[in-house]
Amino acid sequence: MRSRHRERHRTERIAWLRAAVLGANDGIVSTGSLLLGVAMAHATQETLLATGIAGLVAGAMSMAAGEYVSVHSQADSEAAELDRERTELANDRGSERRELAAIYVGRGLAPDLAAQVADQLMAHDALGAHARDELGINETFSARPIQAALASAASFAVGAALPLLVTALAPGAYLIPLLAGSSLVFLAGLGAWAARAGGAGMAVGALRVTFWGALAMAVTAGVGALWGVVS
């Protein structure tokens, strides 16, 4: 007996991968840029560490709250659409069946076959069929606020901890180049890993993340240096 063919698609990872990559990227970029800017203003290492820890905690909480509110808004919109569709199915099931059949015709099925498919799918799970094929809502991509909030907060904390650790261990004379260089290396690694997890090109992913991170750090370092001269 032949074993059942099983496929694993990377789309299953999209929900948590997006939140995790966003959090880690923001953690490295914002904390690395913050520390670099303050260092360019000639702050002491104690001040840098206090600034970095405060930035880590505030950033993680901000990411969690922002992701929760944003994704929960999406979940609320999906729930409202499903309620509306449920009411339409209860009030005019025939029109909803024809609407579903028209969708399948638009995707290439013959009208008779499309009508049969619509009948069978609605007999099995009418709301599920309309949610998936009319509204574009399915379980793989549905909004999960708690998951997104936790993934963003945790990944931000991990990302922010990397430049903070470099700041704590680097000799004072080499702090700025080590902080900038290591942050870019961390970003390149993150971009490559995210691209690999999503099935995209690792080099392109690493370059894209590193470029924007370098730009953010350069601007922040410039502001810090200007502040150090003025003060």
C-alpha atoms as a PDB file:
ATOM      1  CA  MET A   1       0.000   0.000   0.000  1.00  0.00           C
ATOM      2  CA  ARG A   2       1.414   3.362  -1.022  1.00  0.00           C
ATOM      3  CA  SER A   3       1.955   5.893   1.737  1.00  0.00           C
ATOM      4  CA  ARG A   4      -0.134   9.016   1.632  1.00  0.00           C
ATOM      5  CA  HIS A   5       1.553  11.918  -0.109  1.00  0.00           C
ATOM      6  CA  ARG A   6       2.014  14.829   2.257  1.00  0.00           C
ATOM      7  CA  GLU A   7       3.084  18.327   1.348  1.00  0.00           C
ATOM      8  CA  ARG A   8       4.346  21.054   3.616  1.00  0.00           C
ATOM      9  CA  HIS A   9       4.034  24.618   2.399  1.00  0.00           C
ATOM     10  CA  ARG A  10       5.789  27.665   3.765  1.00  0.00           C
ATOM     11  CA  THR A  11       2.544  29.646   3.752  1.00  0.00           C
ATOM     12  CA  GLU A  12       1.774  27.985   7.094  1.00  0.00           C
ATOM     13  CA  ARG A  13       4.602  30.039   8.599  1.00  0.00           C
ATOM     14  CA  ILE A  14       3.528  33.425   7.332  1.00  0.00           C
ATOM     15  CA  ALA A  15       1.523  34.545  10.375  1.00  0.00           C
ATOM     16  CA  TRP A  16       4.236  34.026  12.977  1.00  0.00           C
ATOM     17  CA  LEU A  17       7.180  34.592  10.635  1.00  0.00           C
ATOM     18  CA  ARG A  18       6.067  38.102   9.726  1.00  0.00           C
ATOM     19  CA  ALA A  19       5.631  39.113  13.367  1.00  0.00           C
ATOM     20  CA  ALA A  20       8.890  37.486  14.458  1.00  0.00           C
ATOM     21  CA  VAL A  21      10.999  39.013  11.689  1.00  0.00           C
ATOM     22  CA  LEU A  22       9.437  42.431  12.184  1.00  0.00           C
ATOM     23  CA  GLY A  23      10.106  42.277  15.929  1.00  0.00           C
ATOM     24  CA  ALA A  24      13.700  41.077  15.654  1.00  0.00           C
ATOM     25  CA  ASN A  25      14.521  43.547  12.897  1.00  0.00           C
ATOM     26  CA  ASP A  26      13.033  46.426  14.877  1.00  0.00           C
ATOM     27  CA  GLY A  27      14.868  45.277  18.004  1.00  0.00           C
ATOM     28  CA  ILE A  28      18.263  45.275  16.293  1.00  0.00           C
ATOM     29  CA  VAL A  29      17.737  48.446  14.280  1.00  0.00           C
ATOM     30  CA  SER A  30      16.086  50.608  16.930  1.00  0.00           C
ATOM     31  CA  THR A  31      18.288  49.528  19.831  1.00  0.00           C
ATOM     32  CA  GLY A  32      21.497  49.503  17.787  1.00  0.00           C
ATOM     33  CA  SER A  33      20.684  52.916  16.322  1.00  0.00           C
ATOM     34  CA  LEU A  34      19.711  54.298  19.730  1.00  0.00           C
ATOM     35  CA  LEU A  35      22.921  53.098  21.354  1.00  0.00           C
ATOM     36  CA  LEU A  36      25.022  54.294  18.445  1.00  0.00           C
ATOM     37  CA  GLY A  37      23.436  57.745  18.522  1.00  0.00           C
ATOM     38  CA  VAL A  38      23.917  58.097  22.275  1.00  0.00           C
ATOM     39  CA  ALA A  39      27.494  56.818  21.999  1.00  0.00           C
ATOM     40  CA  MET A  40      28.252  59.414  19.321  1.00  0.00           C
ATOM     41  CA  ALA A  41      27.071  62.062  21.810  1.00  0.00           C
ATOM     42  CA  HIS A  42      29.917  60.912  24.130  1.00  0.00           C
ATOM     43  CA  ALA A  43      27.732  59.183  26.740  1.00  0.00           C
ATOM     44  CA  THR A  44      29.314  56.925  29.355  1.00  0.00           C
ATOM     45  CA  GLN A  45      28.967  53.160  29.164  1.00  0.00           C
ATOM     46  CA  GLU A  46      26.652  53.174  32.199  1.00  0.00           C
ATOM     47  CA  THR A  47      24.379  55.635  30.417  1.00  0.00           C
ATOM     48  CA  LEU A  48      24.474  53.497  27.280  1.00  0.00           C
ATOM     49  CA  LEU A  49      23.500  50.354  29.178  1.00  0.00           C
ATOM     50  CA  ALA A  50      20.644  52.103  30.984  1.00  0.00           C
ATOM     51  CA  THR A  51      19.447  53.551  27.682  1.00  0.00           C
ATOM     52  CA  GLY A  52      19.641  50.172  25.961  1.00  0.00           C
ATOM     53  CA  ILE A  53      17.762  48.318  28.703  1.00  0.00           C
ATOM     54  CA  ALA A  54      15.051  50.971  28.767  1.00  0.00           C
ATOM     55  CA  GLY A  55      14.812  50.797  24.981  1.00  0.00           C
ATOM     56  CA  LEU A  56      14.540  46.992  25.073  1.00  0.00           C
ATOM     57  CA  VAL A  57      11.711  46.966  27.622  1.00  0.00           C
ATOM     58  CA  ALA A  58       9.805  49.867  26.069  1.00  0.00           C
ATOM     59  CA  GLY A  59      10.246  48.512  22.551  1.00  0.00           C
ATOM     60  CA  ALA A  60       9.097  44.998  23.437  1.00  0.00           C
ATOM     61  CA  MET A  61       5.979  46.322  25.147  1.00  0.00           C
ATOM     62  CA  SER A  62       5.303  48.695  22.283  1.00  0.00           C
ATOM     63  CA  MET A  63       5.655  45.917  19.706  1.00  0.00           C
ATOM     64  CA  ALA A  64       3.342  43.622  21.671  1.00  0.00           C
ATOM     65  CA  ALA A  65       0.688  46.305  22.087  1.00  0.00           C
ATOM     66  CA  GLY A  66       0.959  47.482  18.489  1.00  0.00           C
ATOM     67  CA  GLU A  67       0.748  43.985  17.017  1.00  0.00           C
ATOM     68  CA  TYR A  68      -2.141  43.020  19.288  1.00  0.00           C
ATOM     69  CA  VAL A  69      -4.191  46.107  18.423  1.00  0.00           C
ATOM     70  CA  SER A  70      -3.408  45.869  14.710  1.00  0.00           C
ATOM     71  CA  VAL A  71      -4.066  42.153  14.331  1.00  0.00           C
ATOM     72  CA  HIS A  72      -7.112  42.304  16.604  1.00  0.00           C
ATOM     73  CA  SER A  73      -8.573  44.973  14.317  1.00  0.00           C
ATOM     74  CA  GLN A  74      -8.103  42.567  11.425  1.00  0.00           C
ATOM     75  CA  ALA A  75      -9.749  39.791  13.449  1.00  0.00           C
ATOM     76  CA  ASP A  76     -12.690  42.074  14.255  1.00  0.00           C
ATOM     77  CA  SER A  77     -13.099  42.902  10.561  1.00  0.00           C
ATOM     78  CA  GLU A  78     -13.030  39.216   9.641  1.00  0.00           C
ATOM     79  CA  ALA A  79     -15.623  38.412  12.318  1.00  0.00           C
ATOM     80  CA  ALA A  80     -17.896  41.200  11.067  1.00  0.00           C
ATOM     81  CA  GLU A  81     -17.619  39.940   7.486  1.00  0.00           C
ATOM     82  CA  LEU A  82     -18.447  36.403   8.591  1.00  0.00           C
ATOM     83  CA  ASP A  83     -21.485  37.610  10.538  1.00  0.00           C
ATOM     84  CA  ARG A  84     -22.702  39.500   7.477  1.00  0.00           C
ATOM     85  CA  GLU A  85     -22.168  36.431   5.291  1.00  0.00           C
ATOM     86  CA  ARG A  86     -23.982  34.226   7.800  1.00  0.00           C
ATOM     87  CA  THR A  87     -26.992  36.552   7.673  1.00  0.00           C
ATOM     88  CA  GLU A  88     -26.995  36.590   3.874  1.00  0.00           C
ATOM     89  CA  LEU A  89     -26.907  32.802   3.772  1.00  0.00           C
ATOM     90  CA  ALA A  90     -29.860  32.625   6.131  1.00  0.00           C
ATOM     91  CA  ASN A  91     -31.915  35.179   4.181  1.00  0.00           C
ATOM     92  CA  ASP A  92     -31.124  34.334   0.560  1.00  0.00           C
ATOM     93  CA  ARG A  93     -29.278  31.065   0.150  1.00  0.00           C
ATOM     94  CA  GLY A  94     -30.087  30.808  -3.568  1.00  0.00           C
ATOM     95  CA  SER A  95     -28.383  34.088  -4.418  1.00  0.00           C
ATOM     96  CA  GLU A  96     -25.374  33.087  -2.349  1.00  0.00           C
ATOM     97  CA  ARG A  97     -25.150  29.773  -4.204  1.00  0.00           C
ATOM     98  CA  ARG A  98     -25.227  31.558  -7.554  1.00  0.00           C
ATOM     99  CA  GLU A  99     -22.611  34.019  -6.322  1.00  0.00           C
ATOM    100  CA  LEU A 100     -20.315  31.167  -5.319  1.00  0.00           C
ATOM    101  CA  ALA A 101     -20.854  29.405  -8.650  1.00  0.00           C
ATOM    102  CA  ALA A 102     -19.994  32.628 -10.497  1.00  0.00           C
ATOM    103  CA  ILE A 103     -16.706  32.777  -8.611  1.00  0.00           C
ATOM    104  CA  TYR A 104     -15.806  29.275  -9.815  1.00  0.00           C
ATOM    105  CA  VAL A 105     -16.798  30.150 -13.375  1.00  0.00           C
ATOM    106  CA  GLY A 106     -14.445  33.116 -13.154  1.00  0.00           C
ATOM    107  CA  ARG A 107     -11.677  30.732 -12.108  1.00  0.00           C
ATOM    108  CA  GLY A 108     -12.174  28.570 -15.180  1.00  0.00           C
ATOM    109  CA  LEU A 109     -14.879  25.990 -14.423  1.00  0.00           C
ATOM    110  CA  ALA A 110     -17.719  25.329 -16.827  1.00  0.00           C
ATOM    111  CA  PRO A 111     -21.034  26.779 -15.588  1.00  0.00           C
ATOM    112  CA  ASP A 112     -22.644  23.366 -14.972  1.00  0.00           C
ATOM    113  CA  LEU A 113     -19.620  22.067 -13.082  1.00  0.00           C
ATOM    114  CA  ALA A 114     -19.329  25.325 -11.133  1.00  0.00           C
ATOM    115  CA  ALA A 115     -22.955  24.982 -10.028  1.00  0.00           C
ATOM    116  CA  GLN A 116     -22.336  21.394  -8.882  1.00  0.00           C
ATOM    117  CA  VAL A 117     -19.233  22.389  -6.945  1.00  0.00           C
ATOM    118  CA  ALA A 118     -21.092  25.269  -5.289  1.00  0.00           C
ATOM    119  CA  ASP A 119     -23.961  22.943  -4.325  1.00  0.00           C
ATOM    120  CA  GLN A 120     -21.658  20.347  -2.788  1.00  0.00           C
ATOM    121  CA  LEU A 121     -19.488  22.842  -0.917  1.00  0.00           C
ATOM    122  CA  MET A 122     -22.502  24.673   0.471  1.00  0.00           C
ATOM    123  CA  ALA A 123     -24.045  21.396   1.563  1.00  0.00           C
ATOM    124  CA  HIS A 124     -20.831  20.572   3.423  1.00  0.00           C
ATOM    125  CA  ASP A 125     -19.982  23.989   4.907  1.00  0.00           C
ATOM    126  CA  ALA A 126     -21.689  26.981   3.311  1.00  0.00           C
ATOM    127  CA  LEU A 127     -20.106  29.623   5.520  1.00  0.00           C
ATOM    128  CA  GLY A 128     -16.648  28.113   5.182  1.00  0.00           C
ATOM    129  CA  ALA A 129     -16.940  28.021   1.396  1.00  0.00           C
ATOM    130  CA  HIS A 130     -17.976  31.667   1.184  1.00  0.00           C
ATOM    131  CA  ALA A 131     -15.379  32.748   3.759  1.00  0.00           C
ATOM    132  CA  ARG A 132     -12.614  31.071   1.777  1.00  0.00           C
ATOM    133  CA  ASP A 133     -13.653  31.748  -1.819  1.00  0.00           C
ATOM    134  CA  GLU A 134     -15.638  34.985  -1.579  1.00  0.00           C
ATOM    135  CA  LEU A 135     -14.007  36.799   1.349  1.00  0.00           C
ATOM    136  CA  GLY A 136     -10.517  35.316   1.175  1.00  0.00           C
ATOM    137  CA  ILE A 137     -10.554  34.258   4.840  1.00  0.00           C
ATOM    138  CA  ASN A 138      -9.017  30.912   5.734  1.00  0.00           C
ATOM    139  CA  GLU A 139      -7.462  29.302   8.782  1.00  0.00           C
ATOM    140  CA  THR A 140      -3.869  29.570   7.566  1.00  0.00           C
ATOM    141  CA  PHE A 141      -3.952  33.344   7.149  1.00  0.00           C
ATOM    142  CA  SER A 142      -6.550  34.244   9.769  1.00  0.00           C
ATOM    143  CA  ALA A 143      -5.610  36.868  12.336  1.00  0.00           C
ATOM    144  CA  ARG A 144      -4.234  35.633  15.688  1.00  0.00           C
ATOM    145  CA  PRO A 145      -3.654  38.688  17.924  1.00  0.00           C
ATOM    146  CA  ILE A 146      -2.116  36.888  20.913  1.00  0.00           C
ATOM    147  CA  GLN A 147       0.295  34.901  18.765  1.00  0.00           C
ATOM    148  CA  ALA A 148       1.382  38.009  16.874  1.00  0.00           C
ATOM    149  CA  ALA A 149       1.843  40.054  20.068  1.00  0.00           C
ATOM    150  CA  LEU A 150       3.932  37.389  21.822  1.00  0.00           C
ATOM    151  CA  ALA A 151       6.043  36.669  18.749  1.00  0.00           C
ATOM    152  CA  SER A 152       6.758  40.368  18.185  1.00  0.00           C
ATOM    153  CA  ALA A 153       7.614  41.104  21.831  1.00  0.00           C
ATOM    154  CA  ALA A 154       9.859  38.067  22.229  1.00  0.00           C
ATOM    155  CA  SER A 155      11.675  38.570  18.941  1.00  0.00           C
ATOM    156  CA  PHE A 156      12.138  42.290  19.638  1.00  0.00           C
ATOM    157  CA  ALA A 157      13.700  41.479  23.013  1.00  0.00           C
ATOM    158  CA  VAL A 158      16.070  38.959  21.424  1.00  0.00           C
ATOM    159  CA  GLY A 159      17.017  41.374  18.648  1.00  0.00           C
ATOM    160  CA  ALA A 160      17.537  44.274  21.071  1.00  0.00           C
ATOM    161  CA  ALA A 161      19.635  42.118  23.402  1.00  0.00           C
ATOM    162  CA  LEU A 162      22.277  41.572  20.707  1.00  0.00           C
ATOM    163  CA  PRO A 163      23.566  45.176  20.360  1.00  0.00           C
ATOM    164  CA  LEU A 164      23.037  45.636  24.095  1.00  0.00           C
ATOM    165  CA  LEU A 165      25.329  42.683  24.794  1.00  0.00           C
ATOM    166  CA  VAL A 166      27.968  44.103  22.460  1.00  0.00           C
ATOM    167  CA  THR A 167      27.740  47.425  24.290  1.00  0.00           C
ATOM    168  CA  ALA A 168      28.277  45.702  27.636  1.00  0.00           C
ATOM    169  CA  LEU A 169      31.307  43.696  26.468  1.00  0.00           C
ATOM    170  CA  ALA A 170      33.067  45.934  23.934  1.00  0.00           C
ATOM    171  CA  PRO A 171      36.098  47.980  25.020  1.00  0.00           C
ATOM    172  CA  GLY A 172      35.293  51.681  25.179  1.00  0.00           C
ATOM    173  CA  ALA A 173      37.769  52.661  22.476  1.00  0.00           C
ATOM    174  CA  TYR A 174      36.236  50.226  19.965  1.00  0.00           C
ATOM    175  CA  LEU A 175      32.617  50.491  21.064  1.00  0.00           C
ATOM    176  CA  ILE A 176      31.244  52.480  18.131  1.00  0.00           C
ATOM    177  CA  PRO A 177      32.763  50.415  15.269  1.00  0.00           C
ATOM    178  CA  LEU A 178      31.988  47.131  17.054  1.00  0.00           C
ATOM    179  CA  LEU A 179      28.422  48.188  17.764  1.00  0.00           C
ATOM    180  CA  ALA A 180      27.782  49.335  14.211  1.00  0.00           C
ATOM    181  CA  GLY A 181      29.520  46.375  12.577  1.00  0.00           C
ATOM    182  CA  SER A 182      27.945  43.709  14.774  1.00  0.00           C
ATOM    183  CA  SER A 183      24.468  45.198  14.340  1.00  0.00           C
ATOM    184  CA  LEU A 184      24.849  45.010  10.568  1.00  0.00           C
ATOM    185  CA  VAL A 185      26.059  41.409  10.837  1.00  0.00           C
ATOM    186  CA  PHE A 186      23.049  40.557  13.017  1.00  0.00           C
ATOM    187  CA  LEU A 187      20.724  42.187  10.487  1.00  0.00           C
ATOM    188  CA  ALA A 188      22.306  40.314   7.586  1.00  0.00           C
ATOM    189  CA  GLY A 189      21.891  37.031   9.446  1.00  0.00           C
ATOM    190  CA  LEU A 190      18.276  37.831  10.251  1.00  0.00           C
ATOM    191  CA  GLY A 191      17.506  38.736   6.650  1.00  0.00           C
ATOM    192  CA  ALA A 192      19.125  35.546   5.358  1.00  0.00           C
ATOM    193  CA  TRP A 193      17.290  33.366   7.903  1.00  0.00           C
ATOM    194  CA  ALA A 194      13.922  35.004   7.185  1.00  0.00           C
ATOM    195  CA  ALA A 195      14.414  34.567   3.451  1.00  0.00           C
ATOM    196  CA  ARG A 196      15.371  30.905   3.891  1.00  0.00           C
ATOM    197  CA  ALA A 197      12.369  30.242   6.142  1.00  0.00           C
ATOM    198  CA  GLY A 198      10.095  31.848   3.562  1.00  0.00           C
ATOM    199  CA  GLY A 199      11.702  30.107   0.592  1.00  0.00           C
ATOM    200  CA  ALA A 200      13.178  33.275  -0.958  1.00  0.00           C
ATOM    201  CA  GLY A 201      16.742  34.153  -1.947  1.00  0.00           C
ATOM    202  CA  MET A 202      18.968  34.503   1.120  1.00  0.00           C
ATOM    203  CA  ALA A 203      21.382  37.031  -0.406  1.00  0.00           C
ATOM    204  CA  VAL A 204      18.616  39.395  -1.463  1.00  0.00           C
ATOM    205  CA  GLY A 205      16.909  39.122   1.921  1.00  0.00           C
ATOM    206  CA  ALA A 206      20.148  39.824   3.786  1.00  0.00           C
ATOM    207  CA  LEU A 207      21.027  42.785   1.575  1.00  0.00           C
ATOM    208  CA  ARG A 208      17.582  44.362   1.879  1.00  0.00           C
ATOM    209  CA  VAL A 209      17.504  44.225   5.675  1.00  0.00           C
ATOM    210  CA  THR A 210      21.118  45.345   6.035  1.00  0.00           C
ATOM    211  CA  PHE A 211      20.694  48.352   3.752  1.00  0.00           C
ATOM    212  CA  TRP A 212      17.771  49.829   5.672  1.00  0.00           C
ATOM    213  CA  GLY A 213      19.399  49.058   8.997  1.00  0.00           C
ATOM    214  CA  ALA A 214      22.614  50.796   7.922  1.00  0.00           C
ATOM    215  CA  LEU A 215      20.639  53.824   6.772  1.00  0.00           C
ATOM    216  CA  ALA A 216      18.794  54.062  10.105  1.00  0.00           C
ATOM    217  CA  MET A 217      22.009  53.774  12.104  1.00  0.00           C
ATOM    218  CA  ALA A 218      23.822  56.325   9.936  1.00  0.00           C
ATOM    219  CA  VAL A 219      21.082  58.912  10.395  1.00  0.00           C
ATOM    220  CA  THR A 220      20.861  58.309  14.150  1.00  0.00           C
ATOM    221  CA  ALA A 221      24.636  58.418  14.547  1.00  0.00           C
ATOM    222  CA  GLY A 222      24.683  61.723  12.673  1.00  0.00           C
ATOM    223  CA  VAL A 223      22.092  63.189  15.023  1.00  0.00           C
ATOM    224  CA  GLY A 224      24.055  61.952  18.049  1.00  0.00           C
ATOM    225  CA  ALA A 225      27.301  63.373  16.747  1.00  0.00           C
ATOM    226  CA  LEU A 226      25.662  66.735  16.070  1.00  0.00           C
ATOM    227  CA  TRP A 227      24.166  66.790  19.553  1.00  0.00           C
ATOM    228  CA  GLY A 228      27.568  65.956  21.060  1.00  0.00           C
ATOM    229  CA  VAL A 229      29.186  68.886  19.240  1.00  0.00           C
ATOM    230  CA  VAL A 230      26.414  71.340  20.164  1.00  0.00           C
ATOM    231  CA  SER A 231      26.367  70.341  23.824  1.00  0.00           C
END
